[in-house]
Protein backbone atom coordinates (compact mmCIF):
# COMPACT_ATOMS: atom_id res chain seq x y z
CA MET A 1 -45.66 36.32 48.36
CA LYS A 2 -42.91 35.10 45.97
CA ASN A 3 -43.71 34.20 42.40
CA GLN A 4 -43.26 30.50 41.68
CA GLN A 5 -41.90 29.47 38.26
CA SER A 6 -44.33 27.47 36.20
CA PRO A 7 -43.12 24.05 35.00
CA THR A 8 -43.88 25.17 31.48
CA ASP A 9 -41.61 28.18 31.67
CA SER A 10 -38.49 27.75 29.51
CA VAL A 11 -35.04 27.95 30.99
CA THR A 12 -32.13 29.13 28.88
CA VAL A 13 -28.78 27.55 29.69
CA ALA A 14 -25.55 28.82 28.15
CA VAL A 15 -23.38 26.04 26.75
CA ASN A 16 -19.73 26.58 25.89
CA LEU A 17 -19.12 24.92 22.54
CA SER A 18 -15.53 26.07 22.16
CA ARG A 19 -14.10 22.74 23.32
CA LEU A 20 -16.39 20.53 21.29
CA HIS A 21 -15.07 19.01 18.07
CA ARG A 22 -16.91 17.48 15.18
CA VAL A 23 -16.49 13.72 15.06
CA GLY A 24 -14.32 12.68 12.14
CA ALA A 25 -13.19 16.25 11.40
CA ARG A 26 -9.83 16.61 9.74
CA PRO A 27 -7.20 17.93 12.16
CA SER A 28 -4.64 20.51 11.21
CA PHE A 29 -1.62 19.13 9.36
CA PRO A 30 0.78 19.49 12.34
CA ASP A 31 -1.77 17.78 14.63
CA TYR A 32 -2.18 15.04 12.05
CA LEU A 33 1.56 14.35 12.07
CA VAL A 34 1.54 14.32 15.89
CA GLN A 35 -1.27 11.75 15.89
CA LEU A 36 0.72 9.55 13.52
CA TRP A 37 3.80 9.85 15.71
CA ASP A 38 1.76 8.87 18.78
CA ARG A 39 0.79 5.65 16.97
CA ARG A 40 4.33 4.77 15.88
CA GLN A 41 4.59 1.78 18.24
CA PHE A 42 1.34 0.30 16.97
CA ILE A 43 2.43 0.80 13.36
CA LEU A 44 5.73 -0.98 14.00
CA PHE A 45 4.05 -3.79 15.94
CA ASP A 46 1.47 -4.31 13.20
CA ALA A 47 4.15 -4.34 10.50
CA ARG A 48 6.28 -6.90 12.37
CA ALA A 49 3.31 -9.12 13.13
CA ARG A 50 2.20 -9.16 9.50
CA VAL A 51 5.71 -10.02 8.31
CA GLN A 52 5.85 -12.98 10.68
CA SER A 53 2.39 -14.24 9.76
CA ALA A 54 2.56 -13.59 6.01
CA ASN A 55 3.68 -17.11 5.04
CA GLN A 56 2.57 -19.17 8.05
CA GLY A 57 0.21 -21.20 5.88
CA HIS A 58 3.10 -22.39 3.69
CA ARG A 59 5.42 -25.27 4.52
CA LEU A 60 8.52 -23.14 3.92
CA GLY A 61 7.10 -20.22 5.90
CA SER A 62 9.21 -17.07 6.00
CA LEU A 63 11.78 -18.72 3.74
CA TRP A 64 9.66 -17.46 0.84
CA LEU A 65 10.87 -13.94 1.69
CA ILE A 66 14.24 -15.13 0.38
CA LEU A 67 13.17 -17.64 -2.26
CA THR A 68 10.84 -15.27 -4.14
CA PRO A 69 13.47 -12.71 -5.24
CA ILE A 70 15.99 -15.50 -5.91
CA LEU A 71 13.56 -17.33 -8.20
CA ASN A 72 12.64 -14.06 -9.91
CA GLY A 73 16.31 -13.30 -10.47
CA LEU A 74 16.92 -16.79 -11.88
CA THR A 75 13.96 -16.42 -14.24
CA TYR A 76 15.17 -13.06 -15.55
CA TYR A 77 18.71 -14.43 -15.90
CA LEU A 78 17.56 -17.32 -18.08
CA ILE A 79 15.27 -15.18 -20.25
CA PHE A 80 17.24 -11.97 -20.64
CA GLY A 81 20.81 -12.98 -19.81
CA VAL A 82 20.92 -16.33 -21.64
CA LEU A 83 18.17 -16.29 -24.27
CA LEU A 84 18.12 -12.60 -25.21
CA GLY A 85 21.79 -11.92 -24.51
CA THR A 86 21.40 -8.73 -22.49
CA SER A 87 24.39 -9.86 -20.41
CA ARG A 88 26.79 -9.02 -23.23
CA GLY A 89 29.02 -6.11 -22.26
CA VAL A 90 27.93 -6.15 -18.61
CA GLU A 91 30.67 -7.03 -16.15
CA ASN A 92 29.47 -9.41 -13.41
CA PHE A 93 25.99 -9.75 -14.88
CA VAL A 94 24.85 -11.99 -12.01
CA GLY A 95 25.51 -9.27 -9.45
CA TYR A 96 24.18 -6.63 -11.83
CA LEU A 97 20.91 -8.52 -12.26
CA VAL A 98 20.51 -9.51 -8.61
CA ILE A 99 20.86 -5.91 -7.45
CA GLY A 100 18.33 -4.75 -10.03
CA VAL A 101 15.75 -7.42 -9.23
CA PHE A 102 16.03 -7.29 -5.43
CA THR A 103 16.00 -3.48 -5.31
CA PHE A 104 13.08 -3.08 -7.70
CA GLN A 105 10.96 -5.70 -5.93
CA LEU A 106 10.98 -3.63 -2.73
CA THR A 107 9.36 -0.69 -4.50
CA ALA A 108 7.00 -2.88 -6.54
CA ARG A 109 5.61 -4.59 -3.43
CA ALA A 110 5.47 -1.46 -1.29
CA VAL A 111 3.74 0.70 -3.90
CA ASN A 112 1.20 -1.95 -4.91
CA GLU A 113 0.30 -2.86 -1.32
CA GLY A 114 0.36 0.76 -0.17
CA ALA A 115 -2.00 1.75 -2.97
CA ARG A 116 -4.47 -0.93 -1.80
CA SER A 117 -4.12 -0.15 1.92
CA LEU A 118 -7.32 1.91 2.20
CA LEU A 119 -9.34 -0.39 -0.01
CA ALA A 120 -8.26 -3.47 1.95
CA ASN A 121 -9.23 -1.87 5.27
CA ARG A 122 -12.57 -0.27 4.38
CA LYS A 123 -14.42 -1.80 7.36
CA VAL A 124 -11.73 -0.74 9.82
CA ILE A 125 -11.83 2.81 8.46
CA GLN A 126 -15.60 2.99 8.85
CA ALA A 127 -15.58 1.50 12.35
CA PHE A 128 -12.75 3.38 14.06
CA SER A 129 -11.39 6.91 14.21
CA PHE A 130 -7.65 7.15 13.62
CA PRO A 131 -5.29 8.88 11.16
CA ARG A 132 -5.76 6.88 7.97
CA ALA A 133 -2.19 7.53 6.82
CA SER A 134 -1.10 4.98 9.41
CA LEU A 135 -2.33 2.25 7.02
CA PRO A 136 0.02 2.97 4.07
CA ILE A 137 2.80 3.75 6.55
CA ALA A 138 2.36 0.34 8.19
CA VAL A 139 2.41 -1.34 4.77
CA ASN A 140 5.69 0.36 3.82
CA VAL A 141 7.31 -0.44 7.16
CA ARG A 142 6.19 -4.06 6.71
CA GLU A 143 7.73 -4.29 3.24
CA LEU A 144 10.93 -2.67 4.47
CA LEU A 145 11.23 -5.24 7.26
CA ALA A 146 10.39 -8.05 4.86
CA SER A 147 13.19 -6.89 2.55
CA VAL A 148 15.91 -7.32 5.20
CA PRO A 149 16.44 -11.09 4.63
CA SER A 150 16.44 -10.68 0.84
CA THR A 151 18.91 -7.78 1.09
CA ILE A 152 21.26 -9.96 3.14
CA VAL A 153 20.96 -12.73 0.54
CA MET A 154 21.68 -10.18 -2.21
CA LEU A 155 24.90 -9.15 -0.47
CA LEU A 156 25.91 -12.78 0.06
CA ILE A 157 25.39 -13.56 -3.63
CA ILE A 158 27.58 -10.61 -4.59
CA VAL A 159 30.30 -11.81 -2.22
CA VAL A 160 30.12 -15.50 -3.15
CA ALA A 161 29.16 -15.64 -6.85
CA PRO A 162 32.12 -15.14 -9.21
CA PRO A 163 33.55 -12.70 -9.89
CA VAL A 164 33.69 -12.12 -6.14
CA GLU A 165 33.33 -8.47 -5.14
CA GLU A 166 35.36 -6.90 -2.34
CA ILE A 167 33.56 -5.52 0.71
CA THR A 168 34.46 -1.85 1.26
CA TRP A 169 33.26 1.06 3.38
CA ARG A 170 31.16 2.24 0.43
CA TRP A 171 28.77 -0.63 1.10
CA LEU A 172 27.40 1.48 3.96
CA LEU A 173 26.01 3.89 1.36
CA ILE A 174 23.24 1.42 0.58
CA LEU A 175 21.61 2.47 3.88
CA PRO A 176 20.82 6.08 2.85
CA ALA A 177 19.86 4.79 -0.60
CA ILE A 178 17.32 2.37 0.90
CA ALA A 179 16.07 5.11 3.26
CA LEU A 180 15.39 7.45 0.32
CA GLN A 181 13.77 4.58 -1.56
CA PHE A 182 11.51 3.95 1.45
CA LEU A 183 10.45 7.62 1.56
CA PHE A 184 9.69 7.56 -2.17
CA ASN A 185 7.68 4.34 -1.83
CA LEU A 186 5.68 5.82 1.05
CA GLY A 187 4.95 9.04 -0.80
CA LEU A 188 3.77 7.20 -3.90
CA GLY A 189 1.60 4.89 -1.80
CA LEU A 190 -0.02 7.90 -0.10
CA LEU A 191 -0.77 9.40 -3.50
CA LEU A 192 -2.24 6.23 -4.97
CA ALA A 193 -4.26 4.94 -2.00
CA PRO A 194 -7.06 7.57 -2.28
CA LEU A 195 -7.25 7.03 -6.05
CA VAL A 196 -7.57 3.27 -5.71
CA LEU A 197 -10.23 3.70 -3.02
CA ARG A 198 -12.26 5.91 -5.34
CA VAL A 199 -11.55 4.08 -8.64
CA ARG A 200 -10.84 0.41 -7.92
CA ASP A 201 -9.91 -0.33 -11.53
CA ILE A 202 -6.61 1.48 -10.94
CA ALA A 203 -5.57 -1.41 -8.67
CA ASN A 204 -5.84 -3.79 -11.62
CA LEU A 205 -3.72 -1.51 -13.81
CA LEU A 206 -0.92 -1.24 -11.26
CA ALA A 207 0.51 -4.66 -12.17
CA PHE A 208 0.92 -3.63 -15.81
CA ILE A 209 2.31 -0.20 -14.89
CA THR A 210 4.80 -1.80 -12.49
CA ARG A 211 5.99 -4.22 -15.18
CA LEU A 212 6.49 -1.36 -17.64
CA TRP A 213 8.31 0.57 -14.94
CA MET A 214 10.66 -2.36 -14.40
CA TYR A 215 11.54 -2.45 -18.10
CA GLY A 216 12.43 1.24 -17.90
CA SER A 217 14.66 0.86 -14.85
CA ALA A 218 17.58 -1.02 -16.46
CA VAL A 219 17.03 -4.03 -14.20
CA PHE A 220 18.42 -6.58 -16.68
CA TYR A 221 20.20 -4.49 -19.30
CA SER A 222 22.69 -1.64 -19.46
CA LEU A 223 21.89 1.89 -20.60
CA ASP A 224 25.00 1.72 -22.79
CA ARG A 225 22.80 -0.06 -25.33
CA PHE A 226 21.05 3.26 -25.93
CA SER A 227 24.12 5.49 -26.10
CA ALA A 228 23.08 6.56 -29.62
CA TYR A 229 19.88 8.03 -28.15
CA PRO A 230 21.02 10.54 -25.51
CA ARG A 231 17.51 11.96 -25.01
CA LEU A 232 16.16 8.51 -24.18
CA VAL A 233 19.08 7.89 -21.82
CA GLY A 234 18.34 11.18 -20.07
CA ILE A 235 14.71 10.17 -19.54
CA LEU A 236 15.69 6.77 -18.18
CA GLU A 237 18.28 8.31 -15.83
CA ALA A 238 15.57 10.56 -14.34
CA ASN A 239 13.70 7.44 -13.22
CA PRO A 240 13.95 7.32 -9.39
CA LEU A 241 14.17 3.52 -9.40
CA PHE A 242 17.04 3.64 -11.86
CA CYS A 243 18.81 6.09 -9.52
CA VAL A 244 18.44 3.70 -6.56
CA ILE A 245 19.61 0.70 -8.58
CA ASP A 246 22.50 2.66 -10.11
CA ILE A 247 23.68 3.82 -6.68
CA MET A 248 23.52 0.26 -5.32
CA ARG A 249 25.53 -1.05 -8.27
CA ASP A 250 28.16 1.66 -7.94
CA VAL A 251 28.88 0.89 -4.29
CA LEU A 252 28.46 -2.90 -4.37
CA LEU A 253 29.90 -3.86 -7.76
CA TYR A 254 32.20 -1.08 -8.90
CA ASN A 255 33.59 0.20 -5.57
CA SER A 256 32.90 3.77 -6.61
CA THR A 257 31.17 6.67 -4.91
CA PRO A 258 27.87 7.39 -6.70
CA ALA A 259 27.68 10.68 -8.59
CA TRP A 260 26.03 13.55 -6.76
CA GLU A 261 23.57 13.84 -9.63
CA SER A 262 22.16 10.43 -8.78
CA TRP A 263 21.78 11.37 -5.11
CA SER A 264 20.20 14.71 -6.01
CA VAL A 265 17.63 13.22 -8.38
CA LEU A 266 16.74 10.47 -5.91
CA MET A 267 16.44 12.94 -3.02
CA LEU A 268 14.21 15.27 -5.02
CA TRP A 269 11.93 12.38 -5.99
CA ALA A 270 11.82 11.00 -2.44
CA LEU A 271 11.18 14.24 -0.55
CA GLY A 272 8.95 15.75 -3.23
CA THR A 273 6.77 12.65 -3.55
CA LEU A 274 6.57 12.25 0.23
CA ALA A 275 5.52 15.87 0.81
CA LEU A 276 2.96 15.80 -2.00
CA GLY A 277 1.66 12.42 -0.85
CA PHE A 278 1.17 13.47 2.76
CA LEU A 279 -0.55 16.74 1.86
CA THR A 280 -2.83 15.10 -0.69
CA PHE A 281 -3.71 12.25 1.68
CA TRP A 282 -4.38 14.63 4.59
CA ARG A 283 -6.65 16.92 2.57
CA LYS A 284 -8.96 13.96 1.77
CA GLU A 285 -8.86 12.47 5.26
CA GLU A 286 -12.55 13.10 6.02
CA SER A 287 -13.77 11.36 2.84
CA TYR A 288 -12.24 7.93 3.42
CA GLY A 289 -14.82 6.70 5.92
CA ARG A 290 -17.65 7.65 3.56
CA SER A 291 -16.17 5.89 0.53
CA ASN A 292 -17.80 2.71 -0.70
């Protein structure tokens, strides 16, 4: 007679856990980049949609993408160019100022919004599983797309406002300059976003830091004013935003090829900040959903 197994007898079943993954676990860095690449269409769609809807509640709509930098440039021209006289000694001060204001505003908007990208999407982060770096990336793509109309207006002002500048092949060099600026903006946003999520007071300080940064980027004055202080000039020339603005002025106003030093400094800032930003952001990936 065969022995029958009692219902109370325990049965051991072997389970293969090798293919199971912890929910919310941080992937390897190459896998993380692959996940971001797989979401590239969503990132682009989200950026375009937000650009189109940004000013829908205003009567002038998307026209504010053009009016805002123009009004900022006019304000700085009246204060610094007319009242404070920083235009003295600067050839074509209108073009000089417009390039400085329009170029700096791209970084100011991208860095400030990128730094707040995690904080502004706390509920989305806690509800869904996705690579969080897609949020600051989408913000930077959005700001880059939003800057296209203002960049076109900047070029038109340079061509139309006296003294009229000649269009040359060097104008194409603004494309790699803007690309490097975009990479720098993204890297800085990736670095700041985790800090702002953890310490929200940093978000309030960014406006003051950005304003100080603008004053140190020769937006509405020439570095020739500080020729008697070569150490100060050297510090200001190491500013990545000054490098971008200086390159844009060289090709658009002075029809000259920018010095390789300017390209080198800008490239080091862009690639170095981007690499450090991605690594820092990736290492803290698991903590974002648990942040308050």
